[in-house]
Amino acid sequence: MNLLHISDMHFGSRHWTGNSKILLEKLNSYSADIIINTGDNTTDSLESEFEDAGKFLDALKCKHVISIVGNHDKRTMRCRDFYQAYIDEIDVIQPVNSDKCSKRNIFLDEHTSGITENFTDINFIQNISLDDVSLLIVCLDTNELNRDNGYIDREMLRSVSLKIEQHTYNKIILLNHHSILDSDSDPLFNSRHIIDFVTRHKIEHVFCGHTHQLALSEFTDLYHQHSFRQYKNGSLSSCNSPSDSNMFLFFENFGEKNMTIRVVRIFIDEDQLSFKEEIISIS
């Protein structure tokens, strides 16, 4: 099983001026069974930005493209409407007990003009079967409306856990926008709740973005005897990042003993692109 990981495209005012056609050709040259996109598809979550991001994602030649939201995708009250209209019309997991939700603006006034759905969190699960392997992809919304810091709602974690227990699978991975192992100026405040969630469900692989900086990390909980790896990607195409932060990751033989990670860095030269690839063996 091969995975391609992209993140932080930032369509809109922070999207790069690079040649997207060449970038798409490069992405499509990799034999990916699944493409995972860990958020910040837009700059200001405008409808036009979601539409442009959706067109780019639709041009990826892969049957399974899984996209989550980032903090920049939740800057308008209609962000969930736009996500489901242009990115993916997935079934969002509802809280079992909405009265216990503590995230700011997780519910909007249902009479707010223009919104279709007043529940703003976008948590969901996808179960994909490939070569007799069932992969459960758990997607958590670590973003609050109109805030860059991350926050996970504990009632939503409980609700997602109940959904996981209804599935049968061979492997399970987690996608969320904010890192749960390291921090930056806009951190995920209660990351320990997600780490507990990862330990509970024996998740061994976590994918994220947000900081536009590559970090491949491993965490071990000695008490509970559980380890997991976090793969934090750089930006796919943001104009406000250093030139070596534009990149994507390609995982060959994902989850196997002979897994390798290809770090593909992207450099802009006027209307052309060049790529530098590093291969990291994981034992």
Protein backbone atom coordinates (compact mmCIF):
# COMPACT_ATOMS: atom_id res chain seq x y z
CA MET A 1 0.00 0.00 0.00
CA ASN A 2 1.38 3.40 -1.04
CA LEU A 3 0.27 6.72 0.50
CA LEU A 4 0.87 10.26 -0.75
CA HIS A 5 0.64 13.01 1.90
CA ILE A 6 -0.01 16.66 1.02
CA SER A 7 -0.90 19.60 3.27
CA ASP A 8 -1.34 23.38 3.54
CA MET A 9 -2.08 24.39 -0.07
CA HIS A 10 -3.55 27.76 1.03
CA PHE A 11 -5.51 28.60 -2.10
CA GLY A 12 -6.20 32.33 -2.05
CA SER A 13 -3.85 35.17 -1.17
CA ARG A 14 -1.26 32.85 0.40
CA HIS A 15 -1.22 30.32 -2.44
CA TRP A 16 2.02 30.26 -4.36
CA THR A 17 2.60 31.46 -7.95
CA GLY A 18 4.22 28.20 -8.98
CA ASN A 19 3.13 26.12 -11.96
CA SER A 20 0.28 23.98 -10.64
CA LYS A 21 0.11 21.96 -13.88
CA ILE A 22 3.69 20.77 -13.40
CA LEU A 23 3.00 20.08 -9.74
CA LEU A 24 -0.04 17.96 -10.62
CA GLU A 25 1.99 16.00 -13.17
CA LYS A 26 4.61 15.30 -10.51
CA LEU A 27 2.05 14.25 -7.90
CA ASN A 28 0.28 12.01 -10.40
CA SER A 29 3.57 10.34 -11.37
CA TYR A 30 3.59 8.55 -8.02
CA SER A 31 1.63 5.33 -7.75
CA ALA A 32 -0.52 6.25 -4.76
CA ASP A 33 -3.30 4.01 -3.54
CA ILE A 34 -4.49 6.74 -1.17
CA ILE A 35 -3.80 10.49 -1.02
CA ILE A 36 -4.21 12.17 2.36
CA ASN A 37 -4.53 15.95 2.67
CA THR A 38 -4.12 17.35 6.18
CA GLY A 39 -5.80 20.73 5.84
CA ASP A 40 -5.44 24.45 5.20
CA ASN A 41 -6.84 24.07 1.71
CA THR A 42 -7.64 27.81 1.72
CA THR A 43 -6.36 31.11 3.11
CA ASP A 44 -9.54 32.71 4.41
CA SER A 45 -12.11 29.94 3.77
CA LEU A 46 -13.78 31.93 1.01
CA GLU A 47 -16.05 30.05 -1.37
CA SER A 48 -13.80 30.84 -4.37
CA GLU A 49 -10.79 29.42 -2.48
CA PHE A 50 -12.65 26.19 -1.63
CA GLU A 51 -13.69 25.93 -5.28
CA ASP A 52 -10.08 26.28 -6.50
CA ALA A 53 -8.85 23.76 -3.93
CA GLY A 54 -11.57 21.33 -4.97
CA LYS A 55 -10.60 21.58 -8.64
CA PHE A 56 -6.96 20.85 -7.78
CA LEU A 57 -7.89 17.84 -5.65
CA ASP A 58 -10.21 16.53 -8.36
CA ALA A 59 -7.27 16.57 -10.79
CA LEU A 60 -5.33 14.09 -8.64
CA LYS A 61 -5.39 10.69 -10.33
CA CYS A 62 -6.18 8.58 -7.31
CA LYS A 63 -9.40 6.80 -6.40
CA HIS A 64 -9.11 7.58 -2.70
CA VAL A 65 -8.38 11.22 -1.79
CA ILE A 66 -9.07 12.06 1.88
CA SER A 67 -9.05 15.74 2.85
CA ILE A 68 -9.53 17.32 6.26
CA VAL A 69 -9.85 20.98 7.29
CA GLY A 70 -7.23 23.25 8.84
CA ASN A 71 -7.52 26.43 10.88
CA HIS A 72 -7.52 28.58 7.72
CA ASP A 73 -10.47 26.57 6.40
CA LYS A 74 -12.63 27.61 9.37
CA ARG A 75 -12.68 31.39 9.09
CA THR A 76 -16.26 31.85 7.94
CA MET A 77 -19.59 30.66 9.28
CA ARG A 78 -20.21 28.79 6.02
CA CYS A 79 -16.96 26.82 6.12
CA ARG A 80 -18.66 23.45 6.56
CA ASP A 81 -21.09 24.22 3.72
CA PHE A 82 -18.18 25.12 1.42
CA TYR A 83 -16.12 22.07 2.47
CA GLN A 84 -18.95 19.69 1.67
CA ALA A 85 -19.81 21.49 -1.58
CA TYR A 86 -16.29 21.62 -3.05
CA ILE A 87 -13.99 19.24 -1.14
CA ASP A 88 -15.95 16.20 0.03
CA GLU A 89 -19.59 15.54 0.83
CA ILE A 90 -18.75 13.18 3.67
CA ASP A 91 -20.97 12.09 6.57
CA VAL A 92 -19.92 14.21 9.54
CA ILE A 93 -20.02 12.51 12.93
CA GLN A 94 -22.47 14.22 15.27
CA PRO A 95 -21.86 14.43 19.04
CA VAL A 96 -23.69 11.84 21.10
CA ASN A 97 -24.47 14.48 23.72
CA SER A 98 -24.26 18.00 22.29
CA ASP A 99 -24.75 19.52 25.75
CA LYS A 100 -21.30 18.25 26.73
CA CYS A 101 -19.47 19.91 23.83
CA SER A 102 -17.05 22.60 25.03
CA LYS A 103 -15.38 23.86 21.83
CA ARG A 104 -16.11 27.51 20.97
CA ASN A 105 -18.66 27.97 18.17
CA ILE A 106 -19.02 24.24 17.62
CA PHE A 107 -22.70 25.11 17.13
CA LEU A 108 -23.92 28.28 15.46
CA ASP A 109 -27.32 29.88 15.87
CA GLU A 110 -29.46 27.81 13.49
CA HIS A 111 -31.18 31.00 12.35
CA THR A 112 -27.91 32.58 11.17
CA SER A 113 -28.48 33.83 7.65
CA GLY A 114 -26.91 31.81 4.85
CA ILE A 115 -25.72 28.68 6.65
CA THR A 116 -27.05 25.25 5.75
CA GLU A 117 -25.58 23.39 8.72
CA ASN A 118 -25.10 24.96 12.14
CA PHE A 119 -22.73 22.25 13.45
CA THR A 120 -19.22 23.42 12.51
CA ASP A 121 -16.97 20.47 13.47
CA ILE A 122 -15.94 18.11 10.63
CA ASN A 123 -14.98 14.75 12.13
CA PHE A 124 -15.42 11.62 10.03
CA ILE A 125 -14.22 8.09 9.34
CA GLN A 126 -13.40 6.40 6.04
CA ASN A 127 -12.96 2.62 5.71
CA ILE A 128 -10.97 1.70 2.59
CA SER A 129 -10.21 -1.84 1.42
CA LEU A 130 -7.06 -2.43 -0.62
CA ASP A 131 -5.55 -5.83 -1.45
CA ASP A 132 -7.57 -7.57 1.27
CA VAL A 133 -6.44 -4.97 3.83
CA SER A 134 -9.08 -2.82 5.48
CA LEU A 135 -7.67 0.59 6.44
CA LEU A 136 -9.68 2.77 8.81
CA ILE A 137 -8.86 6.46 8.36
CA VAL A 138 -9.95 8.56 11.35
CA CYS A 139 -10.21 12.29 10.66
CA LEU A 140 -10.36 14.67 13.63
CA ASP A 141 -11.21 18.37 13.49
CA THR A 142 -8.69 20.07 15.78
CA ASN A 143 -9.74 23.56 14.64
CA GLU A 144 -11.97 26.20 16.21
CA LEU A 145 -13.98 28.67 14.17
CA ASN A 146 -12.01 31.92 13.59
CA ARG A 147 -9.02 30.82 15.71
CA ASP A 148 -5.56 29.57 14.74
CA ASN A 149 -4.91 27.64 17.94
CA GLY A 150 -6.06 24.05 18.07
CA TYR A 151 -8.60 22.50 20.42
CA ILE A 152 -10.19 19.07 20.45
CA ASP A 153 -13.64 18.58 21.90
CA ARG A 154 -13.66 15.65 24.35
CA GLU A 155 -17.29 14.81 23.67
CA MET A 156 -16.45 14.58 19.98
CA LEU A 157 -13.53 12.28 20.77
CA ARG A 158 -15.93 10.05 22.69
CA SER A 159 -18.41 10.15 19.80
CA VAL A 160 -15.69 9.25 17.27
CA SER A 161 -14.52 6.41 19.52
CA LEU A 162 -18.00 4.92 19.50
CA LYS A 163 -18.00 5.05 15.69
CA ILE A 164 -14.59 3.35 15.52
CA GLU A 165 -15.93 0.49 17.64
CA GLN A 166 -18.59 -0.16 15.00
CA HIS A 167 -15.96 -0.89 12.33
CA THR A 168 -13.88 -3.94 11.51
CA TYR A 169 -10.43 -3.17 10.12
CA ASN A 170 -6.83 -4.39 9.83
CA LYS A 171 -5.04 -1.06 10.13
CA ILE A 172 -6.00 2.33 11.56
CA ILE A 173 -4.45 5.76 10.99
CA LEU A 174 -5.27 9.25 12.25
CA LEU A 175 -5.41 12.56 10.38
CA ASN A 176 -5.58 15.92 12.18
CA HIS A 177 -4.29 19.34 11.20
CA HIS A 178 -2.35 20.34 14.34
CA SER A 179 0.61 18.39 15.65
CA ILE A 180 0.01 16.41 18.82
CA LEU A 181 3.72 15.95 19.68
CA ASP A 182 5.33 19.34 19.17
CA SER A 183 4.20 22.94 19.21
CA ASP A 184 4.49 26.30 17.50
CA SER A 185 2.99 29.77 18.00
CA ASP A 186 -0.52 28.40 17.34
CA PRO A 187 -0.52 25.08 19.20
CA LEU A 188 -3.08 22.42 19.95
CA PHE A 189 -3.81 23.17 23.61
CA ASN A 190 -5.17 19.82 24.79
CA SER A 191 -3.16 17.41 22.68
CA ARG A 192 -2.88 14.93 25.55
CA HIS A 193 -6.52 13.98 24.98
CA ILE A 194 -5.69 12.93 21.42
CA ILE A 195 -2.61 11.04 22.62
CA ASP A 196 -4.87 9.15 25.04
CA PHE A 197 -7.25 8.54 22.11
CA VAL A 198 -4.37 7.22 19.98
CA THR A 199 -3.26 4.89 22.78
CA ARG A 200 -6.79 3.63 23.42
CA HIS A 201 -7.34 2.66 19.79
CA LYS A 202 -3.76 1.41 19.24
CA ILE A 203 -3.18 3.87 16.41
CA GLU A 204 0.40 3.60 15.16
CA HIS A 205 0.45 6.33 12.49
CA VAL A 206 -0.63 9.99 12.80
CA PHE A 207 -0.52 12.54 9.94
CA CYS A 208 -0.65 16.33 10.33
CA GLY A 209 0.51 19.66 8.86
CA HIS A 210 -0.08 23.25 10.06
CA THR A 211 3.47 24.50 10.79
CA HIS A 212 4.81 24.14 7.21
CA GLN A 213 7.81 22.35 8.70
CA LEU A 214 8.78 18.74 8.19
CA ALA A 215 9.02 16.60 11.34
CA LEU A 216 9.04 12.81 11.46
CA SER A 217 8.71 11.71 15.07
CA GLU A 218 8.14 8.66 17.21
CA PHE A 219 6.44 8.64 20.61
CA THR A 220 6.46 5.82 23.16
CA ASP A 221 4.21 5.56 26.19
CA LEU A 222 6.22 3.29 28.47
CA TYR A 223 3.38 2.89 30.97
CA HIS A 224 0.77 1.76 28.43
CA GLN A 225 3.36 0.07 26.21
CA HIS A 226 2.24 1.81 23.04
CA SER A 227 4.25 3.62 20.37
CA PHE A 228 3.15 5.68 17.39
CA ARG A 229 4.77 7.72 14.65
CA GLN A 230 3.73 11.23 13.66
CA TYR A 231 4.39 12.49 10.14
CA LYS A 232 4.20 16.29 10.00
CA ASN A 233 4.34 17.57 6.44
CA GLY A 234 5.48 20.93 5.14
CA SER A 235 3.37 23.05 2.80
CA LEU A 236 2.46 21.87 -0.67
CA SER A 237 2.17 25.36 -2.17
CA SER A 238 2.22 28.29 0.24
CA CYS A 239 3.95 31.51 -0.81
CA ASN A 240 4.95 32.62 2.69
CA SER A 241 7.16 29.64 3.46
CA PRO A 242 10.90 29.26 2.92
CA SER A 243 11.66 27.64 -0.43
CA ASP A 244 12.56 24.30 1.14
CA SER A 245 9.28 24.06 3.09
CA ASN A 246 7.21 23.36 -0.04
CA MET A 247 7.07 19.60 -0.24
CA PHE A 248 5.03 16.44 -0.16
CA LEU A 249 5.63 12.96 1.27
CA PHE A 250 5.27 9.58 -0.43
CA PHE A 251 5.10 6.41 1.67
CA GLU A 252 6.00 3.15 -0.09
CA ASN A 253 4.91 -0.13 1.49
CA PHE A 254 3.12 1.84 4.17
CA GLY A 255 3.02 0.18 7.57
CA GLU A 256 5.34 -2.66 6.54
CA LYS A 257 8.82 -3.44 7.81
CA ASN A 258 10.33 -2.28 4.51
CA MET A 259 8.45 1.05 4.46
CA THR A 260 10.30 3.99 2.94
CA ILE A 261 9.37 7.69 2.96
CA ARG A 262 10.21 9.90 0.00
CA VAL A 263 10.49 13.57 0.99
CA VAL A 264 9.95 15.51 -2.23
CA ARG A 265 10.93 19.19 -1.94
CA ILE A 266 9.61 21.71 -4.48
CA PHE A 267 11.57 24.71 -5.78
CA ILE A 268 10.18 27.50 -7.99
CA ASP A 269 12.24 28.84 -10.90
CA GLU A 270 10.08 31.45 -12.68
CA ASP A 271 7.37 29.40 -14.46
CA GLN A 272 9.14 26.11 -13.90
CA LEU A 273 9.52 23.78 -10.93
CA SER A 274 12.35 21.56 -9.83
CA PHE A 275 12.14 18.72 -7.33
CA LYS A 276 14.64 17.26 -4.90
CA GLU A 277 13.89 13.84 -3.47
CA GLU A 278 15.26 12.29 -0.29
CA ILE A 279 14.60 8.66 0.66
CA ILE A 280 14.23 7.72 4.32
CA SER A 281 14.17 4.05 5.27
CA ILE A 282 12.01 3.11 8.23
CA SER A 283 12.88 -0.08 10.09
